[in-house]
Every structure is written in C-alpha cells, then in structure tokens.
Amino acid sequence: MYLIKKMIVCLDQTSLDKTLIQYAAFIAKVNQTKKIYFVNVIKNLSVPKEVLEEFPNLVESMINERQAAMETVVSENFPDQKGISLNYIVKEGSLSKKVLKLAEEKSADMIIVGRKIHLPGTGVVSLRLARRASCSLLIVPENSQPKVQKILVPSDFSDYSKDALEEAIMIAEKHGNVEIVCQNVFSIPSGYHFTGKSYEEFTQIMQMHAEIAYKKFIRKINTKGIKITPVYTKDEDDDPVQEIVNKALEINADGIIIGAKGRTAATALFIGSMAERLIQFNDSLPLLVTRPKGKNAGILDYILEI
C-alpha cells in the first residue's frame, strides 16, 4: 500500500466540514502528507446574462466568499503541521465529476467525503466516487471522532480482501496499539440437509472450512507483528452487510476497511456488491474503500464522464 501524500477533502459548508477537516489532520499527521486540497463544488452558478452585465463581479465574489469560508473553518479545525500545503478549490457543476477529475489531475492518494445522517443529503455521491475513483475513498459519518484503536476488516480471503488487510496493517503500524479484527461471514447452503447433516453440524463444517481458508490467507500477508483476531460469523438472514456492521458496533470498532474489486478500466464500475452495500447501508462508522492507486485509471473513466 502507499502513503497518503495527497488528499482531497470534500466540503459543503455544513457542520460536517469540521469532522472531515479533523480526519484530514489526523491522517496527515502520520502519513508524511504534502498537499491537501479542500474542495467545495457549487451545483449551479448560472446567472442570467442581464444580471451579470449589471453585476460583473458577482460570480467571482461568490467564489471568493466560498473560499474564504473554507479557509476559516480549516484554520479553526486543522492544527498547524509543518510541510503541508493547504489548497482551496471552488468549482461549479457535478460534485462527483469535479472531484474525480481533480483526483486524476493531482494524482491524489485519498478522497475524503462525508456521510450525512441528519443533515440533508444522500450517499449517492459516495457510491459514484467509490466506483470511479483511481484512489482510496474514506467515507466519514456525521459526528465521528478521528481515532484508531480497533479496525474491522471484512474478508472473503480474496485479493481485494488482502489489499484491505494490508492497508489496516499499515495504519496500525503507524498509529501503534491498534487491534485488527478480520471477519469472515459465511452462510449455510439451502441444500445442506441432502448431506445427512443437521443444521448445527453443517454450521460447524462451514466454520471449519472458513478457519482453514483464513490460515492459508494470512500466511500470504506480512502482519508486521500487529495483532489480528479472526472472527467467523454465520449469516442468519442472508444479509452479510448487516452482520458486518453489527460486528463492528459490537466490538466498538473505530472504522471498517474493505477492498474494492475493480482493478482495471474494464472493471471500474464493479467495486463489489459487498462494498456497494456497505456504502449504502453503513451510517455508523467511517468506511475506507481501498483501491491500489491508479488501478481504475483508463478509457472507461473518461467515457463515463462525457
């Protein structure tokens, strides 16, 4: 995985901005971050021609006002850190399109966006960014506190699960005294009774196979001495995402890390049904969707933006 040297933080002049700025400062502190771009996208700046003729500086004044507001809230919530360049960008148009384009132009390592619960807004932008971004995406719910003591990593023992666990290990190594919980959610096939085994017996069989798979999986990973606790959860209601969020809340996790499936231009839209459902369903904990930097870059991304 890689250090977060360039970050994009999406602000919208709501109380959520304070939380996102504090997370940016928390991440920058241990990542040798060099540049942070605080971005505010105005949906519609269209002003009638007649009005612009009468007030030619109107649009420029609006943009300057937004930028000044960003600078103020950042100065209040971002402690001084040497060597970090803070940049303020105001754009007009679609948030997802502008942020994706900026991420490409600046070769960003991470995009930070908020998840609104009580504030007006939806999670649609987060899903679009997760599908198309060429870097990792951190989605932070309202009122979250930037701390890392316990991380939940859902895993099906695939390559993209490996990416997520390696990211968690790197974070734990930087922050120190962090526990990682690696959760595998397994289900009982509907035809289990044809085997002659009871439901309880087949549950034990499925968990045993999950435990074996984990041992093979973890052997491929350099854990760097970080404590990793495997847990196995039976999916009772055909909704593994609910099981993941429940486990995260049960263990008092500070966040969830999941790997995105899409690694090439051809698979850019397919971040994985689990990741998509987590983005849509989880409004309790920060969610980091990891993607090896640049792996989503390609012609498909530009076609999607036309």
C-alpha atoms as a PDB file:
ATOM      1  CA  MET A   1       0.000   0.000   0.000  1.00  0.00           C
ATOM      2  CA  TYR A   2       1.075   3.615  -0.147  1.00  0.00           C
ATOM      3  CA  LEU A   3       1.386   6.740   1.997  1.00  0.00           C
ATOM      4  CA  ILE A   4      -1.367   9.351   1.783  1.00  0.00           C
ATOM      5  CA  LYS A   5       0.751  12.192   0.436  1.00  0.00           C
ATOM      6  CA  LYS A   6      -2.041  13.987  -1.442  1.00  0.00           C
ATOM      7  CA  MET A   7      -5.599  14.247  -0.133  1.00  0.00           C
ATOM      8  CA  ILE A   8      -8.834  15.699  -1.447  1.00  0.00           C
ATOM      9  CA  VAL A   9     -11.373  16.730   1.201  1.00  0.00           C
ATOM     10  CA  CYS A  10     -14.918  17.488   0.017  1.00  0.00           C
ATOM     11  CA  LEU A  11     -16.540  20.325   1.977  1.00  0.00           C
ATOM     12  CA  ASP A  12     -20.074  21.701   1.600  1.00  0.00           C
ATOM     13  CA  GLN A  13     -20.452  24.454   4.212  1.00  0.00           C
ATOM     14  CA  THR A  14     -22.333  22.266   6.705  1.00  0.00           C
ATOM     15  CA  SER A  15     -21.354  21.209  10.223  1.00  0.00           C
ATOM     16  CA  LEU A  16     -19.914  18.002   8.698  1.00  0.00           C
ATOM     17  CA  ASP A  17     -16.968  20.045   7.360  1.00  0.00           C
ATOM     18  CA  LYS A  18     -15.458  20.262  10.847  1.00  0.00           C
ATOM     19  CA  THR A  19     -15.423  16.446  11.165  1.00  0.00           C
ATOM     20  CA  LEU A  20     -13.830  15.939   7.738  1.00  0.00           C
ATOM     21  CA  ILE A  21     -11.115  18.513   8.396  1.00  0.00           C
ATOM     22  CA  GLN A  22     -10.265  16.884  11.714  1.00  0.00           C
ATOM     23  CA  TYR A  23      -9.988  13.490   9.972  1.00  0.00           C
ATOM     24  CA  ALA A  24      -7.726  15.008   7.317  1.00  0.00           C
ATOM     25  CA  ALA A  25      -5.445  16.397  10.043  1.00  0.00           C
ATOM     26  CA  PHE A  26      -5.451  13.033  11.858  1.00  0.00           C
ATOM     27  CA  ILE A  27      -4.450  11.152   8.697  1.00  0.00           C
ATOM     28  CA  ALA A  28      -1.885  13.750   7.599  1.00  0.00           C
ATOM     29  CA  LYS A  29      -0.072  13.577  10.925  1.00  0.00           C
ATOM     30  CA  VAL A  30       1.258  10.037  10.335  1.00  0.00           C
ATOM     31  CA  ASN A  31       1.403   9.869   6.536  1.00  0.00           C
ATOM     32  CA  GLN A  32       4.002  12.483   5.577  1.00  0.00           C
ATOM     33  CA  THR A  33       1.194  14.235   3.717  1.00  0.00           C
ATOM     34  CA  LYS A  34       2.438  17.020   1.448  1.00  0.00           C
ATOM     35  CA  LYS A  35      -0.717  18.509  -0.062  1.00  0.00           C
ATOM     36  CA  ILE A  36      -4.367  18.710   0.924  1.00  0.00           C
ATOM     37  CA  TYR A  37      -6.997  20.070  -1.460  1.00  0.00           C
ATOM     38  CA  PHE A  38     -10.142  21.329   0.264  1.00  0.00           C
ATOM     39  CA  VAL A  39     -12.852  21.365  -2.388  1.00  0.00           C
ATOM     40  CA  ASN A  40     -16.276  22.974  -2.472  1.00  0.00           C
ATOM     41  CA  VAL A  41     -18.452  22.328  -5.510  1.00  0.00           C
ATOM     42  CA  ILE A  42     -21.350  24.660  -6.249  1.00  0.00           C
ATOM     43  CA  LYS A  43     -24.095  22.821  -8.107  1.00  0.00           C
ATOM     44  CA  ASN A  44     -25.318  25.745 -10.171  1.00  0.00           C
ATOM     45  CA  LEU A  45     -23.617  29.082 -10.707  1.00  0.00           C
ATOM     46  CA  SER A  46     -25.699  30.061 -13.716  1.00  0.00           C
ATOM     47  CA  VAL A  47     -26.687  33.696 -13.527  1.00  0.00           C
ATOM     48  CA  PRO A  48     -28.824  35.477 -16.155  1.00  0.00           C
ATOM     49  CA  LYS A  49     -26.775  37.445 -18.651  1.00  0.00           C
ATOM     50  CA  GLU A  50     -28.581  40.657 -17.763  1.00  0.00           C
ATOM     51  CA  VAL A  51     -27.697  40.280 -14.094  1.00  0.00           C
ATOM     52  CA  LEU A  52     -24.043  39.607 -14.920  1.00  0.00           C
ATOM     53  CA  GLU A  53     -23.935  42.726 -17.072  1.00  0.00           C
ATOM     54  CA  GLU A  54     -25.245  44.758 -14.164  1.00  0.00           C
ATOM     55  CA  PHE A  55     -23.030  42.990 -11.579  1.00  0.00           C
ATOM     56  CA  PRO A  56     -19.949  41.748 -13.493  1.00  0.00           C
ATOM     57  CA  ASN A  57     -18.086  40.677 -10.331  1.00  0.00           C
ATOM     58  CA  LEU A  58     -20.952  38.654  -8.868  1.00  0.00           C
ATOM     59  CA  VAL A  59     -19.661  35.148  -9.708  1.00  0.00           C
ATOM     60  CA  GLU A  60     -16.099  35.973  -8.693  1.00  0.00           C
ATOM     61  CA  SER A  61     -17.373  37.375  -5.390  1.00  0.00           C
ATOM     62  CA  MET A  62     -19.412  34.218  -4.730  1.00  0.00           C
ATOM     63  CA  ILE A  63     -16.371  32.017  -5.350  1.00  0.00           C
ATOM     64  CA  ASN A  64     -14.142  34.211  -3.172  1.00  0.00           C
ATOM     65  CA  GLU A  65     -16.741  34.075  -0.385  1.00  0.00           C
ATOM     66  CA  ARG A  66     -16.842  30.250  -0.512  1.00  0.00           C
ATOM     67  CA  GLN A  67     -13.053  30.059  -0.463  1.00  0.00           C
ATOM     68  CA  ALA A  68     -12.795  32.456   2.472  1.00  0.00           C
ATOM     69  CA  ALA A  69     -15.373  30.385   4.386  1.00  0.00           C
ATOM     70  CA  MET A  70     -13.327  27.223   3.753  1.00  0.00           C
ATOM     71  CA  GLU A  71     -10.130  28.879   4.905  1.00  0.00           C
ATOM     72  CA  THR A  72     -11.827  29.983   8.118  1.00  0.00           C
ATOM     73  CA  VAL A  73     -13.243  26.565   9.065  1.00  0.00           C
ATOM     74  CA  VAL A  74      -9.935  24.852   8.168  1.00  0.00           C
ATOM     75  CA  SER A  75      -7.918  27.273  10.297  1.00  0.00           C
ATOM     76  CA  GLU A  76     -10.242  26.507  13.226  1.00  0.00           C
ATOM     77  CA  ASN A  77     -10.019  22.714  12.929  1.00  0.00           C
ATOM     78  CA  PHE A  78      -6.674  21.855  11.309  1.00  0.00           C
ATOM     79  CA  PRO A  79      -3.742  22.147  13.745  1.00  0.00           C
ATOM     80  CA  ASP A  80      -0.541  23.587  12.308  1.00  0.00           C
ATOM     81  CA  GLN A  81       1.583  20.883  10.694  1.00  0.00           C
ATOM     82  CA  LYS A  82       4.888  21.758   9.074  1.00  0.00           C
ATOM     83  CA  GLY A  83       5.483  20.874   5.462  1.00  0.00           C
ATOM     84  CA  ILE A  84       1.821  20.558   4.441  1.00  0.00           C
ATOM     85  CA  SER A  85       0.453  22.746   1.644  1.00  0.00           C
ATOM     86  CA  LEU A  86      -3.242  23.561   2.139  1.00  0.00           C
ATOM     87  CA  ASN A  87      -5.108  24.426  -1.056  1.00  0.00           C
ATOM     88  CA  TYR A  88      -8.663  25.699  -1.540  1.00  0.00           C
ATOM     89  CA  ILE A  89     -10.641  24.997  -4.693  1.00  0.00           C
ATOM     90  CA  VAL A  90     -14.173  26.121  -5.590  1.00  0.00           C
ATOM     91  CA  LYS A  91     -15.760  24.504  -8.648  1.00  0.00           C
ATOM     92  CA  GLU A  92     -19.135  24.620 -10.350  1.00  0.00           C
ATOM     93  CA  GLY A  93     -21.005  21.533 -11.547  1.00  0.00           C
ATOM     94  CA  SER A  94     -21.369  17.889 -10.507  1.00  0.00           C
ATOM     95  CA  LEU A  95     -19.526  17.051  -7.276  1.00  0.00           C
ATOM     96  CA  SER A  96     -18.541  13.539  -8.347  1.00  0.00           C
ATOM     97  CA  LYS A  97     -17.305  14.616 -11.787  1.00  0.00           C
ATOM     98  CA  LYS A  98     -15.303  17.559 -10.493  1.00  0.00           C
ATOM     99  CA  VAL A  99     -13.736  15.576  -7.654  1.00  0.00           C
ATOM    100  CA  LEU A 100     -12.853  12.617  -9.899  1.00  0.00           C
ATOM    101  CA  LYS A 101     -11.231  14.917 -12.428  1.00  0.00           C
ATOM    102  CA  LEU A 102      -9.298  16.710  -9.695  1.00  0.00           C
ATOM    103  CA  ALA A 103      -8.145  13.383  -8.224  1.00  0.00           C
ATOM    104  CA  GLU A 104      -6.719  12.426 -11.626  1.00  0.00           C
ATOM    105  CA  GLU A 105      -5.103  15.806 -12.218  1.00  0.00           C
ATOM    106  CA  LYS A 106      -3.471  15.943  -8.787  1.00  0.00           C
ATOM    107  CA  SER A 107      -2.696  12.212  -8.581  1.00  0.00           C
ATOM    108  CA  ALA A 108      -4.491  12.036  -5.228  1.00  0.00           C
ATOM    109  CA  ASP A 109      -3.938   9.150  -2.831  1.00  0.00           C
ATOM    110  CA  MET A 110      -7.220   9.541  -0.946  1.00  0.00           C
ATOM    111  CA  ILE A 111     -10.578  11.295  -1.216  1.00  0.00           C
ATOM    112  CA  ILE A 112     -12.437  12.109   2.000  1.00  0.00           C
ATOM    113  CA  VAL A 113     -16.184  12.642   1.793  1.00  0.00           C
ATOM    114  CA  GLY A 114     -18.906  12.911   4.431  1.00  0.00           C
ATOM    115  CA  ARG A 115     -21.869  10.647   5.093  1.00  0.00           C
ATOM    116  CA  LYS A 116     -24.913  12.641   6.175  1.00  0.00           C
ATOM    117  CA  ILE A 117     -27.372  11.171   8.654  1.00  0.00           C
ATOM    118  CA  HIS A 118     -29.463  14.046   9.976  1.00  0.00           C
ATOM    119  CA  LEU A 119     -28.134  16.724   7.642  1.00  0.00           C
ATOM    120  CA  PRO A 120     -29.798  16.960   4.210  1.00  0.00           C
ATOM    121  CA  GLY A 121     -28.094  14.898   1.502  1.00  0.00           C
ATOM    122  CA  THR A 122     -27.631  11.303   0.306  1.00  0.00           C
ATOM    123  CA  GLY A 123     -24.915   8.708  -0.156  1.00  0.00           C
ATOM    124  CA  VAL A 124     -25.201   8.598  -3.955  1.00  0.00           C
ATOM    125  CA  VAL A 125     -22.061  10.696  -4.447  1.00  0.00           C
ATOM    126  CA  SER A 126     -20.060   8.332  -2.213  1.00  0.00           C
ATOM    127  CA  LEU A 127     -21.067   5.351  -4.348  1.00  0.00           C
ATOM    128  CA  ARG A 128     -20.150   7.137  -7.582  1.00  0.00           C
ATOM    129  CA  LEU A 129     -16.780   8.120  -6.180  1.00  0.00           C
ATOM    130  CA  ALA A 130     -16.114   4.576  -4.917  1.00  0.00           C
ATOM    131  CA  ARG A 131     -16.915   3.126  -8.334  1.00  0.00           C
ATOM    132  CA  ARG A 132     -14.802   5.511 -10.376  1.00  0.00           C
ATOM    133  CA  ALA A 133     -12.023   6.949  -8.217  1.00  0.00           C
ATOM    134  CA  SER A 134      -8.449   5.963  -9.031  1.00  0.00           C
ATOM    135  CA  CYS A 135      -7.505   6.042  -5.345  1.00  0.00           C
ATOM    136  CA  SER A 136      -8.889   5.101  -1.939  1.00  0.00           C
ATOM    137  CA  LEU A 137     -12.053   6.691  -0.564  1.00  0.00           C
ATOM    138  CA  LEU A 138     -12.801   7.438   3.088  1.00  0.00           C
ATOM    139  CA  ILE A 139     -16.478   7.976   3.933  1.00  0.00           C
ATOM    140  CA  VAL A 140     -16.986   9.654   7.309  1.00  0.00           C
ATOM    141  CA  PRO A 141     -20.416   9.832   9.000  1.00  0.00           C
ATOM    142  CA  GLU A 142     -21.558  12.860  10.980  1.00  0.00           C
ATOM    143  CA  ASN A 143     -20.115  13.313  14.476  1.00  0.00           C
ATOM    144  CA  SER A 144     -17.367  10.688  14.008  1.00  0.00           C
ATOM    145  CA  GLN A 145     -14.230  11.069  16.117  1.00  0.00           C
ATOM    146  CA  PRO A 146     -10.819  10.591  14.479  1.00  0.00           C
ATOM    147  CA  LYS A 147      -9.226   7.728  16.400  1.00  0.00           C
ATOM    148  CA  VAL A 148      -7.844   4.285  15.553  1.00  0.00           C
ATOM    149  CA  GLN A 149      -7.729   1.641  18.262  1.00  0.00           C
ATOM    150  CA  LYS A 150      -9.703  -1.168  16.646  1.00  0.00           C
ATOM    151  CA  ILE A 151     -10.376  -1.794  12.945  1.00  0.00           C
ATOM    152  CA  LEU A 152     -12.766  -4.306  11.370  1.00  0.00           C
ATOM    153  CA  VAL A 153     -11.747  -5.814   8.036  1.00  0.00           C
ATOM    154  CA  PRO A 154     -14.423  -7.981   6.375  1.00  0.00           C
ATOM    155  CA  SER A 155     -12.739 -10.699   4.334  1.00  0.00           C
ATOM    156  CA  ASP A 156     -13.660 -13.414   1.866  1.00  0.00           C
ATOM    157  CA  PHE A 157      -9.929 -14.247   1.534  1.00  0.00           C
ATOM    158  CA  SER A 158      -9.722 -12.760  -1.984  1.00  0.00           C
ATOM    159  CA  ASP A 159      -7.014 -10.496  -3.411  1.00  0.00           C
ATOM    160  CA  TYR A 160      -9.005  -7.350  -2.735  1.00  0.00           C
ATOM    161  CA  SER A 161      -9.552  -8.538   0.855  1.00  0.00           C
ATOM    162  CA  LYS A 162      -5.769  -8.863   1.049  1.00  0.00           C
ATOM    163  CA  ASP A 163      -5.435  -5.224  -0.075  1.00  0.00           C
ATOM    164  CA  ALA A 164      -7.802  -4.121   2.696  1.00  0.00           C
ATOM    165  CA  LEU A 165      -5.994  -6.104   5.397  1.00  0.00           C
ATOM    166  CA  GLU A 166      -2.604  -4.811   4.291  1.00  0.00           C
ATOM    167  CA  GLU A 167      -3.975  -1.262   4.475  1.00  0.00           C
ATOM    168  CA  ALA A 168      -5.227  -1.945   8.005  1.00  0.00           C
ATOM    169  CA  ILE A 169      -1.811  -3.328   8.980  1.00  0.00           C
ATOM    170  CA  MET A 170      -0.081  -0.221   7.629  1.00  0.00           C
ATOM    171  CA  ILE A 171      -2.466   2.038   9.575  1.00  0.00           C
ATOM    172  CA  ALA A 172      -1.949   0.007  12.751  1.00  0.00           C
ATOM    173  CA  GLU A 173       1.811   0.131  12.311  1.00  0.00           C
ATOM    174  CA  LYS A 174       1.755   3.924  12.038  1.00  0.00           C
ATOM    175  CA  HIS A 175      -0.607   4.607  14.930  1.00  0.00           C
ATOM    176  CA  GLY A 176       0.559   1.874  17.322  1.00  0.00           C
ATOM    177  CA  ASN A 177      -1.509  -0.137  19.800  1.00  0.00           C
ATOM    178  CA  VAL A 178      -4.185  -0.976  17.226  1.00  0.00           C
ATOM    179  CA  GLU A 179      -6.110  -4.236  17.061  1.00  0.00           C
ATOM    180  CA  ILE A 180      -7.382  -5.568  13.760  1.00  0.00           C
ATOM    181  CA  VAL A 181     -10.393  -7.869  13.636  1.00  0.00           C
ATOM    182  CA  CYS A 182     -10.663  -9.866  10.404  1.00  0.00           C
ATOM    183  CA  GLN A 183     -14.255 -11.032   9.921  1.00  0.00           C
ATOM    184  CA  ASN A 184     -15.450 -13.749   7.586  1.00  0.00           C
ATOM    185  CA  VAL A 185     -19.217 -14.011   7.119  1.00  0.00           C
ATOM    186  CA  PHE A 186     -20.297 -17.459   5.942  1.00  0.00           C
ATOM    187  CA  SER A 187     -23.723 -18.799   5.051  1.00  0.00           C
ATOM    188  CA  ILE A 188     -25.281 -22.242   5.217  1.00  0.00           C
ATOM    189  CA  PRO A 189     -26.322 -23.527   1.752  1.00  0.00           C
ATOM    190  CA  SER A 190     -30.025 -24.257   1.448  1.00  0.00           C
ATOM    191  CA  GLY A 191     -29.394 -27.868   0.413  1.00  0.00           C
ATOM    192  CA  TYR A 192     -27.308 -28.780   3.444  1.00  0.00           C
ATOM    193  CA  HIS A 193     -29.893 -31.386   4.547  1.00  0.00           C
ATOM    194  CA  PHE A 194     -29.114 -33.535   1.497  1.00  0.00           C
ATOM    195  CA  THR A 195     -25.777 -34.313   3.151  1.00  0.00           C
ATOM    196  CA  GLY A 196     -27.478 -36.041   6.063  1.00  0.00           C
ATOM    197  CA  LYS A 197     -26.017 -33.494   8.465  1.00  0.00           C
ATOM    198  CA  SER A 198     -28.028 -31.387  10.883  1.00  0.00           C
ATOM    199  CA  TYR A 199     -28.046 -27.592  10.620  1.00  0.00           C
ATOM    200  CA  GLU A 200     -25.740 -27.326  13.643  1.00  0.00           C
ATOM    201  CA  GLU A 201     -23.345 -29.938  12.231  1.00  0.00           C
ATOM    202  CA  PHE A 202     -23.170 -28.218   8.850  1.00  0.00           C
ATOM    203  CA  THR A 203     -22.587 -24.863  10.561  1.00  0.00           C
ATOM    204  CA  GLN A 204     -19.542 -26.379  12.249  1.00  0.00           C
ATOM    205  CA  ILE A 205     -18.321 -27.744   8.898  1.00  0.00           C
ATOM    206  CA  MET A 206     -18.682 -24.335   7.194  1.00  0.00           C
ATOM    207  CA  GLN A 207     -16.842 -22.578  10.014  1.00  0.00           C
ATOM    208  CA  MET A 208     -14.068 -25.170   9.964  1.00  0.00           C
ATOM    209  CA  HIS A 209     -13.516 -24.538   6.258  1.00  0.00           C
ATOM    210  CA  ALA A 210     -13.526 -20.769   6.886  1.00  0.00           C
ATOM    211  CA  GLU A 211     -10.863 -21.235   9.586  1.00  0.00           C
ATOM    212  CA  ILE A 212      -8.702 -23.291   7.220  1.00  0.00           C
ATOM    213  CA  ALA A 213      -9.121 -20.676   4.473  1.00  0.00           C
ATOM    214  CA  TYR A 214      -8.080 -17.922   6.902  1.00  0.00           C
ATOM    215  CA  LYS A 215      -4.887 -19.752   7.864  1.00  0.00           C
ATOM    216  CA  LYS A 216      -3.926 -20.073   4.183  1.00  0.00           C
ATOM    217  CA  PHE A 217      -4.880 -16.426   3.590  1.00  0.00           C
ATOM    218  CA  ILE A 218      -2.923 -14.944   6.495  1.00  0.00           C
ATOM    219  CA  ARG A 219       0.241 -16.872   5.573  1.00  0.00           C
ATOM    220  CA  LYS A 220       0.487 -14.706   2.426  1.00  0.00           C
ATOM    221  CA  ILE A 221       0.464 -11.468   4.432  1.00  0.00           C
ATOM    222  CA  ASN A 222       3.216  -9.755   6.392  1.00  0.00           C
ATOM    223  CA  THR A 223       1.374  -8.848   9.575  1.00  0.00           C
ATOM    224  CA  LYS A 224       4.386  -6.872  10.913  1.00  0.00           C
ATOM    225  CA  GLY A 225       3.674  -8.090  14.420  1.00  0.00           C
ATOM    226  CA  ILE A 226       0.231  -6.427  14.522  1.00  0.00           C
ATOM    227  CA  LYS A 227      -2.424  -8.335  16.483  1.00  0.00           C
ATOM    228  CA  ILE A 228      -5.048  -9.715  14.093  1.00  0.00           C
ATOM    229  CA  THR A 229      -8.065 -11.508  15.540  1.00  0.00           C
ATOM    230  CA  PRO A 230     -10.083 -13.678  13.127  1.00  0.00           C
ATOM    231  CA  VAL A 231     -13.825 -13.957  13.757  1.00  0.00           C
ATOM    232  CA  TYR A 232     -16.349 -16.097  11.913  1.00  0.00           C
ATOM    233  CA  THR A 233     -19.967 -15.010  11.653  1.00  0.00           C
ATOM    234  CA  LYS A 234     -22.844 -17.127  10.420  1.00  0.00           C
ATOM    235  CA  ASP A 235     -25.165 -15.138   8.165  1.00  0.00           C
ATOM    236  CA  GLU A 236     -28.568 -15.738   9.702  1.00  0.00           C
ATOM    237  CA  ASP A 237     -30.731 -13.621   7.379  1.00  0.00           C
ATOM    238  CA  ASP A 238     -28.959 -13.590   4.001  1.00  0.00           C
ATOM    239  CA  ASP A 239     -27.598 -10.104   4.668  1.00  0.00           C
ATOM    240  CA  PRO A 240     -23.829 -10.216   5.296  1.00  0.00           C
ATOM    241  CA  VAL A 241     -23.569  -6.426   5.356  1.00  0.00           C
ATOM    242  CA  GLN A 242     -25.844  -6.271   8.392  1.00  0.00           C
ATOM    243  CA  GLU A 243     -23.606  -8.857  10.075  1.00  0.00           C
ATOM    244  CA  ILE A 244     -20.536  -6.752   9.316  1.00  0.00           C
ATOM    245  CA  VAL A 245     -21.992  -3.541  10.743  1.00  0.00           C
ATOM    246  CA  ASN A 246     -23.351  -5.404  13.781  1.00  0.00           C
ATOM    247  CA  LYS A 247     -19.917  -6.891  14.481  1.00  0.00           C
ATOM    248  CA  ALA A 248     -18.221  -3.510  14.074  1.00  0.00           C
ATOM    249  CA  LEU A 249     -20.595  -1.963  16.605  1.00  0.00           C
ATOM    250  CA  GLU A 250     -20.304  -4.963  18.945  1.00  0.00           C
ATOM    251  CA  ILE A 251     -16.508  -4.697  19.166  1.00  0.00           C
ATOM    252  CA  ASN A 252     -16.549  -0.873  19.277  1.00  0.00           C
ATOM    253  CA  ALA A 253     -14.542  -0.602  16.067  1.00  0.00           C
ATOM    254  CA  ASP A 254     -13.316   2.833  15.035  1.00  0.00           C
ATOM    255  CA  GLY A 255     -13.785   2.044  11.375  1.00  0.00           C
ATOM    256  CA  ILE A 256     -14.277  -0.567   8.649  1.00  0.00           C
ATOM    257  CA  ILE A 257     -11.857  -1.207   5.779  1.00  0.00           C
ATOM    258  CA  ILE A 258     -12.947  -3.046   2.655  1.00  0.00           C
ATOM    259  CA  GLY A 259     -11.194  -3.607  -0.664  1.00  0.00           C
ATOM    260  CA  ALA A 260     -12.696  -2.561  -3.987  1.00  0.00           C
ATOM    261  CA  LYS A 261     -12.974  -5.256  -6.639  1.00  0.00           C
ATOM    262  CA  GLY A 262     -12.401  -3.010  -9.652  1.00  0.00           C
ATOM    263  CA  ARG A 263      -8.691  -3.001 -10.517  1.00  0.00           C
ATOM    264  CA  THR A 264      -8.714  -2.138 -14.209  1.00  0.00           C
ATOM    265  CA  ALA A 265     -10.567   0.195 -16.545  1.00  0.00           C
ATOM    266  CA  ALA A 266     -12.731  -2.711 -17.679  1.00  0.00           C
ATOM    267  CA  THR A 267     -13.892  -3.449 -14.136  1.00  0.00           C
ATOM    268  CA  ALA A 268     -14.065   0.148 -12.905  1.00  0.00           C
ATOM    269  CA  LEU A 269     -17.763   0.006 -12.076  1.00  0.00           C
ATOM    270  CA  PHE A 270     -17.567  -3.274 -10.210  1.00  0.00           C
ATOM    271  CA  ILE A 271     -16.276  -2.437  -6.759  1.00  0.00           C
ATOM    272  CA  GLY A 272     -18.077  -5.481  -5.394  1.00  0.00           C
ATOM    273  CA  SER A 273     -21.606  -5.934  -4.122  1.00  0.00           C
ATOM    274  CA  MET A 274     -20.366  -6.096  -0.517  1.00  0.00           C
ATOM    275  CA  ALA A 275     -18.585  -2.740  -0.784  1.00  0.00           C
ATOM    276  CA  GLU A 276     -21.583  -1.145  -2.504  1.00  0.00           C
ATOM    277  CA  ARG A 277     -23.986  -2.406   0.140  1.00  0.00           C
ATOM    278  CA  LEU A 278     -21.705  -1.227   2.933  1.00  0.00           C
ATOM    279  CA  ILE A 279     -21.521   2.254   1.408  1.00  0.00           C
ATOM    280  CA  GLN A 280     -25.316   2.383   1.155  1.00  0.00           C
ATOM    281  CA  PHE A 281     -26.165   0.761   4.492  1.00  0.00           C
ATOM    282  CA  ASN A 282     -23.444   1.835   6.924  1.00  0.00           C
ATOM    283  CA  ASP A 283     -24.056   5.208   8.524  1.00  0.00           C
ATOM    284  CA  SER A 284     -22.479   4.377  11.878  1.00  0.00           C
ATOM    285  CA  LEU A 285     -18.737   4.128  11.298  1.00  0.00           C
ATOM    286  CA  PRO A 286     -16.059   5.543   8.988  1.00  0.00           C
ATOM    287  CA  LEU A 287     -15.628   3.289   5.970  1.00  0.00           C
ATOM    288  CA  LEU A 288     -12.395   3.133   3.983  1.00  0.00           C
ATOM    289  CA  VAL A 289     -12.742   1.653   0.498  1.00  0.00           C
ATOM    290  CA  THR A 290      -9.210   0.786  -0.590  1.00  0.00           C
ATOM    291  CA  ARG A 291      -8.005   0.682  -4.146  1.00  0.00           C
ATOM    292  CA  PRO A 292      -4.382   0.455  -5.271  1.00  0.00           C
ATOM    293  CA  LYS A 293      -3.553   3.890  -6.633  1.00  0.00           C
ATOM    294  CA  GLY A 294      -4.216   4.347 -10.339  1.00  0.00           C
ATOM    295  CA  LYS A 295      -5.794   0.926 -10.835  1.00  0.00           C
ATOM    296  CA  ASN A 296      -9.050   2.441 -12.025  1.00  0.00           C
ATOM    297  CA  ALA A 297      -7.485   4.830 -14.475  1.00  0.00           C
ATOM    298  CA  GLY A 298      -8.369   4.105 -18.074  1.00  0.00           C
ATOM    299  CA  ILE A 299     -10.513   4.957 -21.031  1.00  0.00           C
ATOM    300  CA  LEU A 300     -13.724   3.814 -19.350  1.00  0.00           C
ATOM    301  CA  ASP A 301     -13.429   6.505 -16.691  1.00  0.00           C
ATOM    302  CA  TYR A 302     -13.257   9.236 -19.297  1.00  0.00           C
ATOM    303  CA  ILE A 303     -16.142   7.765 -21.290  1.00  0.00           C
ATOM    304  CA  LEU A 304     -18.245   7.750 -18.115  1.00  0.00           C
ATOM    305  CA  GLU A 305     -17.568  11.425 -17.575  1.00  0.00           C
ATOM    306  CA  ILE A 306     -18.704  12.528 -21.044  1.00  0.00           C
END
